[in-house]
N, C-alpha and C. Protein backbone atom coordinates (compact mmCIF):
# COMPACT_ATOMS: atom_id res chain seq x y z
N MET A 1 212.40 209.92 344.02
CA MET A 1 213.68 209.60 343.53
C MET A 1 213.95 208.61 342.54
N GLU A 2 214.62 208.73 341.48
CA GLU A 2 214.91 207.87 340.52
C GLU A 2 216.35 207.52 340.47
N ALA A 3 216.63 206.31 340.51
CA ALA A 3 217.95 205.73 340.15
C ALA A 3 218.29 205.42 338.94
N LEU A 4 219.58 205.72 338.20
CA LEU A 4 219.87 205.55 337.17
C LEU A 4 221.15 205.05 336.86
N ARG A 5 221.50 204.69 335.65
CA ARG A 5 222.89 204.32 335.27
C ARG A 5 223.09 205.18 334.11
N ILE A 6 224.37 205.93 334.18
CA ILE A 6 224.78 206.82 333.14
C ILE A 6 226.14 206.21 332.39
N PRO A 7 226.07 205.94 331.13
CA PRO A 7 227.17 205.52 330.28
C PRO A 7 228.41 206.38 330.28
N VAL A 8 229.52 206.02 330.51
CA VAL A 8 230.79 206.98 330.64
C VAL A 8 231.82 205.86 329.98
N GLY A 9 232.02 206.22 328.61
CA GLY A 9 233.09 205.49 327.77
C GLY A 9 232.76 203.80 327.98
N ASP A 10 233.55 203.10 328.52
CA ASP A 10 233.49 201.74 328.51
C ASP A 10 232.70 201.24 329.75
N HIS A 11 232.45 202.12 330.71
CA HIS A 11 231.74 201.59 331.96
C HIS A 11 230.44 202.52 332.06
N SER A 12 229.79 202.49 333.26
CA SER A 12 228.60 203.18 333.58
C SER A 12 228.79 203.75 335.25
N ILE A 13 228.13 204.91 335.50
CA ILE A 13 228.14 205.36 336.90
C ILE A 13 226.64 205.26 337.27
N SER A 14 226.54 205.37 338.60
CA SER A 14 225.22 205.54 339.19
C SER A 14 224.79 206.95 339.46
N ALA A 15 223.74 207.21 339.39
CA ALA A 15 223.15 208.58 339.75
C ALA A 15 221.58 208.55 340.23
N LEU A 16 221.43 209.50 340.80
CA LEU A 16 219.91 209.88 341.25
C LEU A 16 219.58 211.06 340.99
N LEU A 17 218.17 210.97 340.52
CA LEU A 17 217.35 212.13 340.19
C LEU A 17 216.35 212.43 341.14
N ILE A 18 216.30 213.86 341.60
CA ILE A 18 215.17 214.38 342.30
C ILE A 18 214.59 215.30 341.59
N GLN A 19 213.45 215.29 341.07
CA GLN A 19 212.83 216.13 340.34
C GLN A 19 211.32 216.40 340.76
N PRO A 20 211.40 217.81 341.73
CA PRO A 20 210.17 217.88 342.21
C PRO A 20 208.99 218.53 341.27
N ALA A 21 207.69 218.40 341.54
CA ALA A 21 206.77 218.80 340.45
C ALA A 21 206.87 220.27 340.08
N ASP A 22 207.38 221.09 341.19
CA ASP A 22 207.37 222.46 340.78
C ASP A 22 208.86 222.94 340.39
N ALA A 23 209.43 222.17 340.02
CA ALA A 23 211.00 222.29 339.65
C ALA A 23 211.09 223.44 338.54
N ARG A 24 212.03 224.34 338.82
CA ARG A 24 212.41 225.55 338.10
C ARG A 24 213.66 225.52 337.25
N ALA A 25 214.32 224.62 337.92
CA ALA A 25 215.79 224.34 337.44
C ALA A 25 216.45 222.90 337.54
N LEU A 26 217.51 222.42 336.84
CA LEU A 26 217.98 221.20 337.22
C LEU A 26 219.53 221.53 337.51
N TYR A 27 219.89 220.80 338.56
CA TYR A 27 221.31 221.13 338.99
C TYR A 27 222.16 219.82 338.98
N VAL A 28 223.02 219.63 338.06
CA VAL A 28 223.95 218.44 337.88
C VAL A 28 224.86 218.72 339.13
N PHE A 29 224.89 217.70 340.32
CA PHE A 29 225.45 217.89 341.24
C PHE A 29 226.46 216.90 341.72
N ALA A 30 227.82 217.18 341.60
CA ALA A 30 228.90 216.46 341.76
C ALA A 30 229.42 216.39 343.37
N HIS A 31 229.77 215.10 343.97
CA HIS A 31 230.25 215.09 345.16
C HIS A 31 231.75 215.36 345.54
N GLY A 32 231.96 215.50 346.81
CA GLY A 32 233.34 215.67 347.14
C GLY A 32 234.53 214.54 347.22
N ALA A 33 235.64 214.75 347.19
CA ALA A 33 236.44 213.77 347.04
C ALA A 33 236.56 212.59 348.07
N GLY A 34 235.90 212.88 349.28
CA GLY A 34 235.92 211.96 350.28
C GLY A 34 234.68 211.14 350.68
N ALA A 35 233.48 211.53 349.89
CA ALA A 35 232.28 210.97 350.27
C ALA A 35 231.45 210.99 348.98
N GLY A 36 230.80 210.17 348.68
CA GLY A 36 229.99 209.84 347.56
C GLY A 36 228.63 210.56 347.48
N MET A 37 227.74 210.28 346.54
CA MET A 37 226.52 210.94 346.31
C MET A 37 225.50 210.66 347.48
N ASN A 38 225.64 209.53 348.23
CA ASN A 38 224.80 209.05 349.19
C ASN A 38 225.15 209.56 350.66
N HIS A 39 226.04 210.27 350.78
CA HIS A 39 226.54 211.07 351.92
C HIS A 39 225.60 211.71 352.56
N LYS A 40 225.52 211.87 353.75
CA LYS A 40 224.43 212.52 354.33
C LYS A 40 224.21 213.78 354.05
N SER A 41 225.59 214.71 353.83
CA SER A 41 225.37 215.87 353.44
C SER A 41 224.75 216.26 351.98
N MET A 42 225.13 215.31 351.06
CA MET A 42 224.74 215.28 349.66
C MET A 42 223.15 215.11 349.73
N VAL A 43 222.80 214.14 350.36
CA VAL A 43 221.31 213.74 350.58
C VAL A 43 220.40 215.08 351.16
N SER A 44 221.11 215.79 352.04
CA SER A 44 220.65 216.83 352.69
C SER A 44 220.54 218.00 351.67
N ASN A 45 221.56 218.22 351.03
CA ASN A 45 221.39 219.21 349.98
C ASN A 45 220.56 219.02 348.89
N ALA A 46 220.53 217.79 348.37
CA ALA A 46 219.65 217.65 347.28
C ALA A 46 218.28 217.86 347.72
N GLU A 47 217.63 217.26 349.01
CA GLU A 47 216.48 217.33 349.54
C GLU A 47 216.06 218.68 349.60
N GLY A 48 217.30 219.52 350.24
CA GLY A 48 216.83 220.98 350.45
C GLY A 48 216.59 221.74 349.14
N LEU A 49 217.24 221.35 348.23
CA LEU A 49 217.23 222.09 346.97
C LEU A 49 215.70 221.90 346.25
N ALA A 50 215.45 220.53 346.36
CA ALA A 50 214.13 220.23 345.81
C ALA A 50 212.93 220.98 346.39
N ALA A 51 213.04 221.19 347.79
CA ALA A 51 212.18 221.94 348.60
C ALA A 51 212.01 223.45 348.19
N ARG A 52 213.23 223.75 347.50
CA ARG A 52 213.26 225.29 346.98
C ARG A 52 213.21 225.25 345.47
N GLY A 53 212.52 224.18 345.00
CA GLY A 53 212.11 224.26 343.36
C GLY A 53 213.33 223.85 342.33
N ILE A 54 214.32 223.34 342.95
CA ILE A 54 215.54 222.99 342.17
C ILE A 54 215.72 221.49 342.25
N ALA A 55 215.54 220.87 341.04
CA ALA A 55 215.76 219.47 340.94
C ALA A 55 217.25 219.04 340.55
N THR A 56 217.56 217.74 341.25
CA THR A 56 219.12 217.53 341.13
C THR A 56 219.41 216.10 340.52
N LEU A 57 220.56 216.32 339.73
CA LEU A 57 221.04 214.95 339.37
C LEU A 57 222.29 214.84 339.90
N ARG A 58 222.56 214.14 340.93
CA ARG A 58 223.66 213.71 341.55
C ARG A 58 224.27 212.48 341.20
N TYR A 59 225.42 212.39 340.99
CA TYR A 59 226.09 211.07 340.50
C TYR A 59 227.53 210.65 341.20
N GLN A 60 227.94 209.50 340.82
CA GLN A 60 229.18 209.09 341.41
C GLN A 60 230.18 209.19 340.37
N PHE A 61 231.55 209.74 340.74
CA PHE A 61 232.73 209.45 340.10
C PHE A 61 233.16 208.07 339.76
N SER A 62 233.93 207.82 338.84
CA SER A 62 234.06 206.58 338.81
C SER A 62 235.04 205.85 339.95
N TYR A 63 235.70 206.67 340.67
CA TYR A 63 236.74 206.08 341.67
C TYR A 63 235.88 205.57 342.70
N MET A 64 234.69 206.33 343.09
CA MET A 64 233.80 205.97 343.95
C MET A 64 232.93 205.03 343.73
N GLU A 65 232.83 204.68 342.63
CA GLU A 65 231.90 203.43 341.94
C GLU A 65 232.75 202.41 342.48
N ARG A 66 233.94 202.28 342.16
CA ARG A 66 235.10 201.15 342.41
C ARG A 66 235.29 201.04 344.11
N GLY A 67 235.12 201.96 344.78
CA GLY A 67 235.18 201.95 346.19
C GLY A 67 236.77 202.39 346.50
N SER A 68 237.32 203.22 345.55
CA SER A 68 238.68 203.41 345.65
C SER A 68 238.72 204.84 346.47
N LYS A 69 239.73 205.20 347.08
CA LYS A 69 240.15 206.25 347.91
C LYS A 69 241.03 207.29 347.01
N ARG A 70 241.47 206.89 345.95
CA ARG A 70 242.27 207.69 344.99
C ARG A 70 241.28 208.27 344.21
N VAL A 71 241.26 209.70 344.14
CA VAL A 71 240.18 210.14 343.07
C VAL A 71 240.99 209.79 341.85
N ASP A 72 239.88 210.28 340.73
CA ASP A 72 240.15 209.94 339.31
C ASP A 72 241.10 211.12 338.80
N PRO A 73 241.89 210.73 337.83
CA PRO A 73 242.60 211.87 337.13
C PRO A 73 241.35 212.72 336.41
N PRO A 74 241.86 213.97 336.12
CA PRO A 74 240.83 215.04 335.56
C PRO A 74 240.28 214.42 334.29
N ARG A 75 240.93 213.83 333.21
CA ARG A 75 240.18 213.21 332.32
C ARG A 75 239.13 212.33 332.39
N ILE A 76 239.29 211.59 333.52
CA ILE A 76 238.24 210.54 333.79
C ILE A 76 237.13 211.08 334.56
N ALA A 77 237.47 212.14 335.25
CA ALA A 77 236.41 212.99 336.07
C ALA A 77 235.60 213.86 335.07
N HIS A 78 236.20 214.31 334.21
CA HIS A 78 235.56 215.42 333.27
C HIS A 78 234.65 214.47 332.36
N ALA A 79 235.07 213.31 332.05
CA ALA A 79 234.14 212.53 331.29
C ALA A 79 232.80 212.27 332.08
N ALA A 80 232.94 211.91 333.33
CA ALA A 80 231.72 211.82 334.10
C ALA A 80 231.09 213.04 334.18
N VAL A 81 231.58 214.22 334.36
CA VAL A 81 230.80 215.34 334.22
C VAL A 81 230.06 215.53 333.03
N ARG A 82 230.62 215.39 331.95
CA ARG A 82 230.05 215.60 330.44
C ARG A 82 228.81 214.63 330.29
N ALA A 83 229.19 213.29 330.79
CA ALA A 83 228.05 212.37 330.34
C ALA A 83 226.81 212.76 331.06
N THR A 84 227.12 213.20 332.60
CA THR A 84 225.87 213.37 333.35
C THR A 84 225.18 214.59 332.86
N VAL A 85 225.94 215.61 332.26
CA VAL A 85 225.22 216.73 331.68
C VAL A 85 224.37 216.42 330.65
N ALA A 86 225.08 215.47 329.67
CA ALA A 86 224.27 215.22 328.69
C ALA A 86 222.94 214.37 328.87
N GLU A 87 222.91 213.64 329.96
CA GLU A 87 221.84 212.67 330.40
C GLU A 87 221.00 213.58 330.93
N ALA A 88 221.54 214.70 331.73
CA ALA A 88 220.60 215.72 332.52
C ALA A 88 219.58 216.43 331.17
N ILE A 89 220.20 216.73 330.13
CA ILE A 89 219.59 217.27 329.19
C ILE A 89 218.24 216.31 328.70
N LYS A 90 218.52 215.08 328.59
CA LYS A 90 217.62 214.05 327.95
C LYS A 90 216.57 213.87 329.06
N LEU A 91 216.94 214.03 330.49
CA LEU A 91 216.01 213.78 331.42
C LEU A 91 214.90 214.64 331.49
N ALA A 92 215.55 216.04 331.65
CA ALA A 92 214.75 217.27 331.80
C ALA A 92 215.07 218.22 330.79
N PRO A 93 214.61 218.09 329.44
CA PRO A 93 215.03 218.96 328.35
C PRO A 93 214.36 220.45 328.68
N ASP A 94 213.32 220.57 329.26
CA ASP A 94 212.82 221.99 329.60
C ASP A 94 213.09 222.49 330.66
N LEU A 95 214.01 222.10 331.36
CA LEU A 95 214.67 222.62 332.66
C LEU A 95 215.73 223.39 332.45
N PRO A 96 216.08 224.62 332.93
CA PRO A 96 217.30 225.27 332.83
C PRO A 96 218.45 224.66 333.33
N LEU A 97 219.58 224.40 332.77
CA LEU A 97 220.56 223.43 333.35
C LEU A 97 221.62 224.23 334.01
N PHE A 98 222.01 223.80 335.28
CA PHE A 98 223.10 224.28 335.84
C PHE A 98 223.99 222.99 336.39
N ALA A 99 225.18 223.41 336.77
CA ALA A 99 226.15 222.15 337.26
C ALA A 99 227.18 222.56 338.30
N GLY A 100 227.75 221.92 339.00
CA GLY A 100 228.69 222.20 339.86
C GLY A 100 228.86 220.94 340.79
N GLY A 101 229.08 221.39 342.05
CA GLY A 101 229.02 220.54 343.47
C GLY A 101 229.89 220.83 344.55
N ARG A 102 229.98 219.81 345.43
CA ARG A 102 230.69 220.12 346.14
C ARG A 102 232.18 220.09 346.33
N SER A 103 233.10 220.86 346.81
CA SER A 103 234.39 220.67 346.70
C SER A 103 235.14 220.03 345.32
N PHE A 104 235.67 218.97 345.35
CA PHE A 104 236.37 218.38 344.35
C PHE A 104 235.47 218.23 343.06
N GLY A 105 234.08 217.88 343.50
CA GLY A 105 232.96 217.67 342.14
C GLY A 105 232.96 219.20 341.70
N GLY A 106 232.75 220.29 342.42
CA GLY A 106 232.80 221.46 341.62
C GLY A 106 233.90 221.79 340.96
N ARG A 107 235.24 221.55 341.29
CA ARG A 107 236.40 221.98 340.55
C ARG A 107 236.55 221.15 339.38
N MET A 108 236.11 219.72 339.27
CA MET A 108 236.29 218.94 338.07
C MET A 108 235.13 219.61 337.15
N THR A 109 234.15 219.91 337.66
CA THR A 109 232.97 220.62 336.78
C THR A 109 233.49 221.79 336.22
N SER A 110 234.08 222.84 336.88
CA SER A 110 234.52 224.10 336.35
C SER A 110 235.84 223.85 335.31
N GLN A 111 236.72 222.69 335.77
CA GLN A 111 237.79 222.39 334.59
C GLN A 111 237.21 221.82 333.47
N ALA A 112 236.20 221.02 333.51
CA ALA A 112 235.51 220.31 332.05
C ALA A 112 234.77 221.71 331.45
N GLN A 113 234.27 222.70 332.11
CA GLN A 113 233.68 223.73 331.40
C GLN A 113 234.80 224.56 330.82
N ALA A 114 235.91 224.86 331.37
CA ALA A 114 236.85 225.65 331.06
C ALA A 114 237.72 225.03 329.67
N ASP A 115 237.79 223.62 329.67
CA ASP A 115 238.38 223.12 328.54
C ASP A 115 237.21 222.99 327.33
N GLU A 116 235.99 222.63 327.53
CA GLU A 116 234.98 222.61 326.66
C GLU A 116 233.67 223.14 327.13
N PRO A 117 232.98 224.14 326.72
CA PRO A 117 231.71 224.44 327.40
C PRO A 117 230.81 223.19 327.47
N LEU A 118 230.03 222.93 328.64
CA LEU A 118 229.36 221.78 328.87
C LEU A 118 227.74 222.26 328.38
N ALA A 119 227.44 221.43 327.13
CA ALA A 119 226.39 222.06 326.65
C ALA A 119 224.69 222.20 327.45
N GLY A 120 224.31 223.51 327.19
CA GLY A 120 223.23 223.67 327.83
C GLY A 120 223.58 224.38 329.32
N ALA A 121 224.56 224.42 329.52
CA ALA A 121 224.83 224.91 331.05
C ALA A 121 224.78 226.40 331.15
N ARG A 122 223.83 227.00 332.14
CA ARG A 122 223.79 228.46 332.29
C ARG A 122 224.57 228.69 333.20
N GLY A 123 225.24 228.04 334.09
CA GLY A 123 226.02 228.67 335.30
C GLY A 123 226.63 227.39 335.98
N LEU A 124 227.58 227.96 336.90
CA LEU A 124 228.25 226.85 337.71
C LEU A 124 228.02 227.17 339.06
N ALA A 125 227.70 226.29 339.91
CA ALA A 125 227.54 226.89 341.33
C ALA A 125 228.40 225.69 342.20
N PHE A 126 229.36 226.39 343.06
CA PHE A 126 230.31 225.45 343.73
C PHE A 126 230.02 225.79 345.28
N LEU A 127 229.85 224.48 346.11
CA LEU A 127 229.92 224.44 347.30
C LEU A 127 231.02 224.04 347.78
N GLY A 128 231.82 225.37 348.44
CA GLY A 128 233.19 224.93 349.10
C GLY A 128 234.18 224.50 348.07
N PHE A 129 234.29 225.57 347.13
CA PHE A 129 235.50 225.39 346.16
C PHE A 129 236.77 225.34 346.68
N PRO A 130 237.38 224.12 346.34
CA PRO A 130 238.83 223.83 347.12
C PRO A 130 239.92 224.52 346.48
N LEU A 131 240.18 225.77 346.47
CA LEU A 131 241.16 226.71 346.19
C LEU A 131 242.70 226.17 346.16
N HIS A 132 242.92 225.78 347.39
CA HIS A 132 244.09 225.23 347.70
C HIS A 132 244.41 224.08 348.83
N PRO A 133 245.29 223.22 348.75
CA PRO A 133 245.33 222.26 350.09
C PRO A 133 245.32 222.95 351.24
N VAL A 134 244.99 222.19 352.29
CA VAL A 134 244.99 222.64 353.87
C VAL A 134 246.31 223.02 354.17
N GLY A 135 246.82 224.41 354.73
CA GLY A 135 247.79 224.75 355.14
C GLY A 135 248.82 225.32 353.96
N LYS A 136 248.24 225.02 352.69
CA LYS A 136 249.20 225.83 351.72
C LYS A 136 248.31 226.70 350.50
N PRO A 137 248.27 227.83 351.17
CA PRO A 137 247.22 228.84 350.45
C PRO A 137 248.10 229.31 349.18
N GLY A 138 247.20 229.28 348.20
CA GLY A 138 247.68 229.62 346.75
C GLY A 138 246.49 229.69 345.87
N ILE A 139 246.69 230.06 344.68
CA ILE A 139 245.63 230.26 343.74
C ILE A 139 245.81 229.57 342.31
N GLU A 140 246.59 228.49 342.37
CA GLU A 140 247.10 227.88 340.93
C GLU A 140 245.74 227.11 340.60
N ARG A 141 244.86 226.69 341.45
CA ARG A 141 243.81 225.66 340.99
C ARG A 141 242.82 226.59 340.54
N ALA A 142 242.96 228.03 340.60
CA ALA A 142 241.78 228.92 340.01
C ALA A 142 242.17 229.39 338.57
N GLU A 143 243.46 228.94 338.41
CA GLU A 143 244.03 229.55 336.82
C GLU A 143 242.75 229.28 335.75
N HIS A 144 242.42 228.11 335.83
CA HIS A 144 241.53 227.72 334.60
C HIS A 144 240.25 228.44 334.78
N LEU A 145 239.66 228.94 335.83
CA LEU A 145 238.55 229.91 335.96
C LEU A 145 238.28 231.01 334.93
N SER A 146 239.18 231.51 334.53
CA SER A 146 239.25 232.56 333.61
C SER A 146 238.69 232.36 332.22
N ARG A 147 238.86 230.83 332.14
CA ARG A 147 238.47 230.30 330.67
C ARG A 147 236.77 229.87 330.85
N VAL A 148 236.19 230.04 332.23
CA VAL A 148 235.01 229.88 332.16
C VAL A 148 234.05 231.12 331.86
N GLN A 149 233.24 231.17 330.82
CA GLN A 149 232.70 232.38 330.46
C GLN A 149 231.07 232.26 330.63
N ILE A 150 230.61 231.44 331.51
CA ILE A 150 229.40 231.51 332.09
C ILE A 150 229.11 231.93 333.65
N PRO A 151 228.28 232.30 334.23
CA PRO A 151 228.02 232.88 335.53
C PRO A 151 228.43 231.77 336.39
N MET A 152 229.41 232.17 337.62
CA MET A 152 229.40 231.15 338.44
C MET A 152 229.36 231.55 339.91
N LEU A 153 228.79 230.82 340.97
CA LEU A 153 228.58 231.12 342.18
C LEU A 153 229.40 230.48 343.23
N PHE A 154 229.93 230.95 343.94
CA PHE A 154 230.95 230.35 345.01
C PHE A 154 230.36 230.49 346.29
N VAL A 155 229.76 229.46 347.07
CA VAL A 155 229.39 229.37 348.44
C VAL A 155 230.54 228.83 349.23
N SER A 156 230.77 229.61 350.17
CA SER A 156 232.23 229.16 351.00
C SER A 156 231.96 229.64 352.28
N GLY A 157 232.54 228.69 353.19
CA GLY A 157 232.56 228.95 354.76
C GLY A 157 233.57 230.07 354.87
N GLU A 158 233.31 231.03 355.72
CA GLU A 158 234.38 231.87 356.14
C GLU A 158 235.61 231.24 356.76
N ARG A 159 235.54 230.04 357.37
CA ARG A 159 236.62 229.43 357.88
C ARG A 159 236.98 228.30 356.92
N ASP A 160 236.97 228.41 355.85
CA ASP A 160 237.13 227.37 354.90
C ASP A 160 238.83 227.17 354.81
N ALA A 161 239.31 226.06 355.28
CA ALA A 161 240.82 225.79 355.21
C ALA A 161 241.32 225.55 353.84
N LEU A 162 240.37 225.29 352.93
CA LEU A 162 240.84 224.78 351.62
C LEU A 162 240.42 226.21 350.58
N ALA A 163 240.05 227.27 351.36
CA ALA A 163 239.81 228.34 350.40
C ALA A 163 239.80 229.59 351.37
N GLU A 164 240.95 229.91 351.91
CA GLU A 164 240.98 231.03 352.88
C GLU A 164 240.55 232.40 352.20
N MET A 165 239.77 233.28 353.05
CA MET A 165 239.41 234.47 352.34
C MET A 165 240.23 235.22 351.62
N GLU A 166 241.32 235.39 352.20
CA GLU A 166 242.41 236.35 351.66
C GLU A 166 243.08 235.83 350.23
N GLN A 167 242.60 234.60 349.97
CA GLN A 167 242.95 234.07 348.64
C GLN A 167 241.73 234.12 347.86
N LEU A 168 240.53 233.66 348.29
CA LEU A 168 239.23 233.50 347.63
C LEU A 168 238.73 234.86 347.07
N LYS A 169 238.60 235.92 347.83
CA LYS A 169 237.98 237.04 347.58
C LYS A 169 238.70 237.75 346.48
N PRO A 170 239.90 237.82 346.29
CA PRO A 170 240.56 238.41 344.99
C PRO A 170 240.35 237.69 343.76
N VAL A 171 240.34 236.33 343.96
CA VAL A 171 240.15 235.47 342.70
C VAL A 171 238.81 235.48 342.20
N VAL A 172 237.82 235.63 343.12
CA VAL A 172 236.44 235.87 342.59
C VAL A 172 236.48 237.30 342.07
N ALA A 173 236.70 238.25 342.73
CA ALA A 173 236.65 239.52 342.15
C ALA A 173 237.23 239.75 340.71
N GLY A 174 238.68 239.12 340.71
CA GLY A 174 239.22 239.04 339.37
C GLY A 174 238.38 238.31 338.24
N LEU A 175 237.48 237.48 338.57
CA LEU A 175 236.61 237.18 337.56
C LEU A 175 235.45 238.00 336.90
N GLY A 176 235.36 239.19 337.54
CA GLY A 176 234.40 240.11 337.15
C GLY A 176 232.94 239.86 337.55
N ASP A 177 231.93 240.48 336.60
CA ASP A 177 230.75 240.35 336.84
C ASP A 177 230.13 238.98 336.61
N ARG A 178 230.66 237.98 336.14
CA ARG A 178 230.28 236.65 335.94
C ARG A 178 230.54 235.72 337.16
N ALA A 179 231.10 236.30 338.13
CA ALA A 179 231.32 235.35 339.45
C ALA A 179 230.63 236.20 340.68
N THR A 180 230.11 235.51 341.65
CA THR A 180 229.48 235.91 342.81
C THR A 180 230.00 234.97 343.76
N LEU A 181 230.35 235.65 345.13
CA LEU A 181 230.79 235.07 346.17
C LEU A 181 229.75 235.22 347.29
N HIS A 182 229.28 234.25 347.97
CA HIS A 182 228.41 234.15 349.02
C HIS A 182 229.23 233.40 350.08
N ILE A 183 229.36 234.14 351.33
CA ILE A 183 230.31 233.71 352.30
C ILE A 183 229.23 233.30 353.34
N ILE A 184 229.36 232.03 353.99
CA ILE A 184 228.75 231.56 355.21
C ILE A 184 229.32 231.99 356.33
N ALA A 185 228.84 232.76 357.33
CA ALA A 185 229.63 233.20 358.61
C ALA A 185 229.97 232.06 359.36
N ALA A 186 231.06 231.92 359.80
CA ALA A 186 231.73 230.88 360.87
C ALA A 186 231.80 229.61 360.38
N ALA A 187 231.32 229.42 358.87
CA ALA A 187 231.57 227.95 358.48
C ALA A 187 232.81 227.38 358.02
N ASP A 188 232.94 226.18 358.23
CA ASP A 188 234.26 225.43 357.49
C ASP A 188 233.87 225.10 356.12
N HIS A 189 234.75 224.18 355.57
CA HIS A 189 234.87 223.64 354.27
C HIS A 189 233.51 222.99 353.94
N SER A 190 233.17 222.17 355.11
CA SER A 190 231.86 221.56 354.89
C SER A 190 230.63 222.09 355.33
N LEU A 191 230.67 223.52 355.64
CA LEU A 191 229.78 224.34 356.04
C LEU A 191 229.17 224.15 357.37
N ARG A 192 230.04 223.36 358.31
CA ARG A 192 229.69 223.35 359.42
C ARG A 192 230.00 224.63 360.28
N VAL A 193 229.24 224.88 361.41
CA VAL A 193 229.46 226.19 362.02
C VAL A 193 229.61 225.78 363.81
N PRO A 194 230.49 226.09 364.34
CA PRO A 194 230.62 225.96 365.88
C PRO A 194 229.54 226.42 366.59
N ALA A 195 229.12 225.76 367.67
CA ALA A 195 228.15 226.15 368.54
C ALA A 195 228.26 227.61 369.09
N LYS A 196 229.43 228.05 369.34
CA LYS A 196 229.54 229.46 369.78
C LYS A 196 229.09 230.61 368.73
N SER A 197 229.16 229.97 367.52
CA SER A 197 228.56 230.99 366.45
C SER A 197 227.05 231.39 366.73
N GLY A 198 226.37 230.73 367.45
CA GLY A 198 225.06 230.96 367.92
C GLY A 198 224.10 230.60 366.81
N ARG A 199 224.63 229.81 365.56
CA ARG A 199 223.80 229.14 364.68
C ARG A 199 223.99 227.78 364.72
N THR A 200 223.02 227.13 364.09
CA THR A 200 223.01 225.67 363.73
C THR A 200 223.50 225.23 362.47
N PRO A 201 223.72 224.01 362.34
CA PRO A 201 224.33 223.60 361.15
C PRO A 201 223.34 223.62 360.06
N ALA A 202 222.01 223.43 360.31
CA ALA A 202 220.91 223.59 359.52
C ALA A 202 220.62 224.74 359.20
N GLU A 203 220.92 225.71 359.84
CA GLU A 203 220.63 227.15 359.60
C GLU A 203 221.78 227.55 358.69
N ALA A 204 222.87 226.99 358.82
CA ALA A 204 224.19 227.40 357.76
C ALA A 204 223.64 226.80 356.48
N GLU A 205 223.35 225.60 356.56
CA GLU A 205 222.95 224.97 355.28
C GLU A 205 221.92 225.49 354.63
N ALA A 206 220.71 225.78 355.34
CA ALA A 206 219.59 226.74 354.78
C ALA A 206 220.14 227.95 353.89
N GLU A 207 221.01 228.63 354.61
CA GLU A 207 221.36 230.01 353.92
C GLU A 207 222.17 229.53 352.74
N ALA A 208 223.04 228.45 352.70
CA ALA A 208 223.70 228.16 351.45
C ALA A 208 222.73 227.80 350.32
N LEU A 209 221.72 226.76 350.77
CA LEU A 209 220.79 226.43 349.56
C LEU A 209 219.91 227.40 349.06
N ASP A 210 219.67 228.31 350.10
CA ASP A 210 218.69 229.43 349.68
C ASP A 210 219.53 230.53 348.60
N ALA A 211 220.94 230.61 348.81
CA ALA A 211 221.74 231.37 347.91
C ALA A 211 221.88 230.83 346.60
N MET A 212 222.06 229.31 346.57
CA MET A 212 221.99 228.91 345.21
C MET A 212 220.92 228.68 344.48
N ALA A 213 219.61 228.57 345.33
CA ALA A 213 218.31 228.68 344.55
C ALA A 213 218.14 229.88 344.01
N LYS A 214 218.11 231.00 344.86
CA LYS A 214 218.02 232.50 344.41
C LYS A 214 218.75 232.71 343.18
N TRP A 215 220.05 232.51 343.04
CA TRP A 215 221.06 232.56 342.05
C TRP A 215 220.58 231.86 341.04
N MET A 216 220.25 230.76 340.87
CA MET A 216 219.86 229.92 339.65
C MET A 216 218.55 230.73 339.02
N ILE A 217 217.47 230.83 340.13
CA ILE A 217 216.17 231.39 339.51
C ILE A 217 216.56 232.88 338.93
N VAL A 218 217.54 233.51 339.34
CA VAL A 218 217.46 234.99 338.56
C VAL A 218 218.05 234.54 337.23
N LEU A 219 218.82 233.68 337.02
CA LEU A 219 219.32 233.44 335.74
C LEU A 219 218.68 232.77 334.94
N ILE A 220 217.56 232.40 335.19
CA ILE A 220 216.61 231.63 334.32
C ILE A 220 215.87 232.75 333.40
């Protein structure tokens, strides 16, 4: 694992690169709103993807670097996405590039792509796309996705309170062939599963990472 600093405007953000010897692609991996790149779920996801031949470059949004609980406005978050994608191309120019992330990080990546395509990105993969706030089902947060013209993978828990299936399924279907939905049975927004499901959290995570790695490899 290599620790890096990535310039973003007048400041810089920290990042971590994991590039296994057998890497077949590189995933620019953004964190969710409440936990940074060193959260145990991010570490586990990155290590799991490495075991599947997918390198990761995960990074901190500026607010997380400052220790703030208030997320960056889109303009600032998009700048971090773009700077990290540009750095990824420099670090691994021979690896096919994908981008996305968990929850907030995935949404900021998709917004950046919708506004202006990310250089070199072959597709976007989302772990728990936050379609709406808890208890307020809606699809307003998906309006920009129609402007994303590269393949997208939505990996979502069946019980995700931020992306209820009744809302998410039609959104993904409406995006046509460029969007794929992989549902993790009994999982919530963080892809946790209850004991009564008969599955362990590790098994649910493995299914999610398998889906991501296979989807990327097919697109290479």
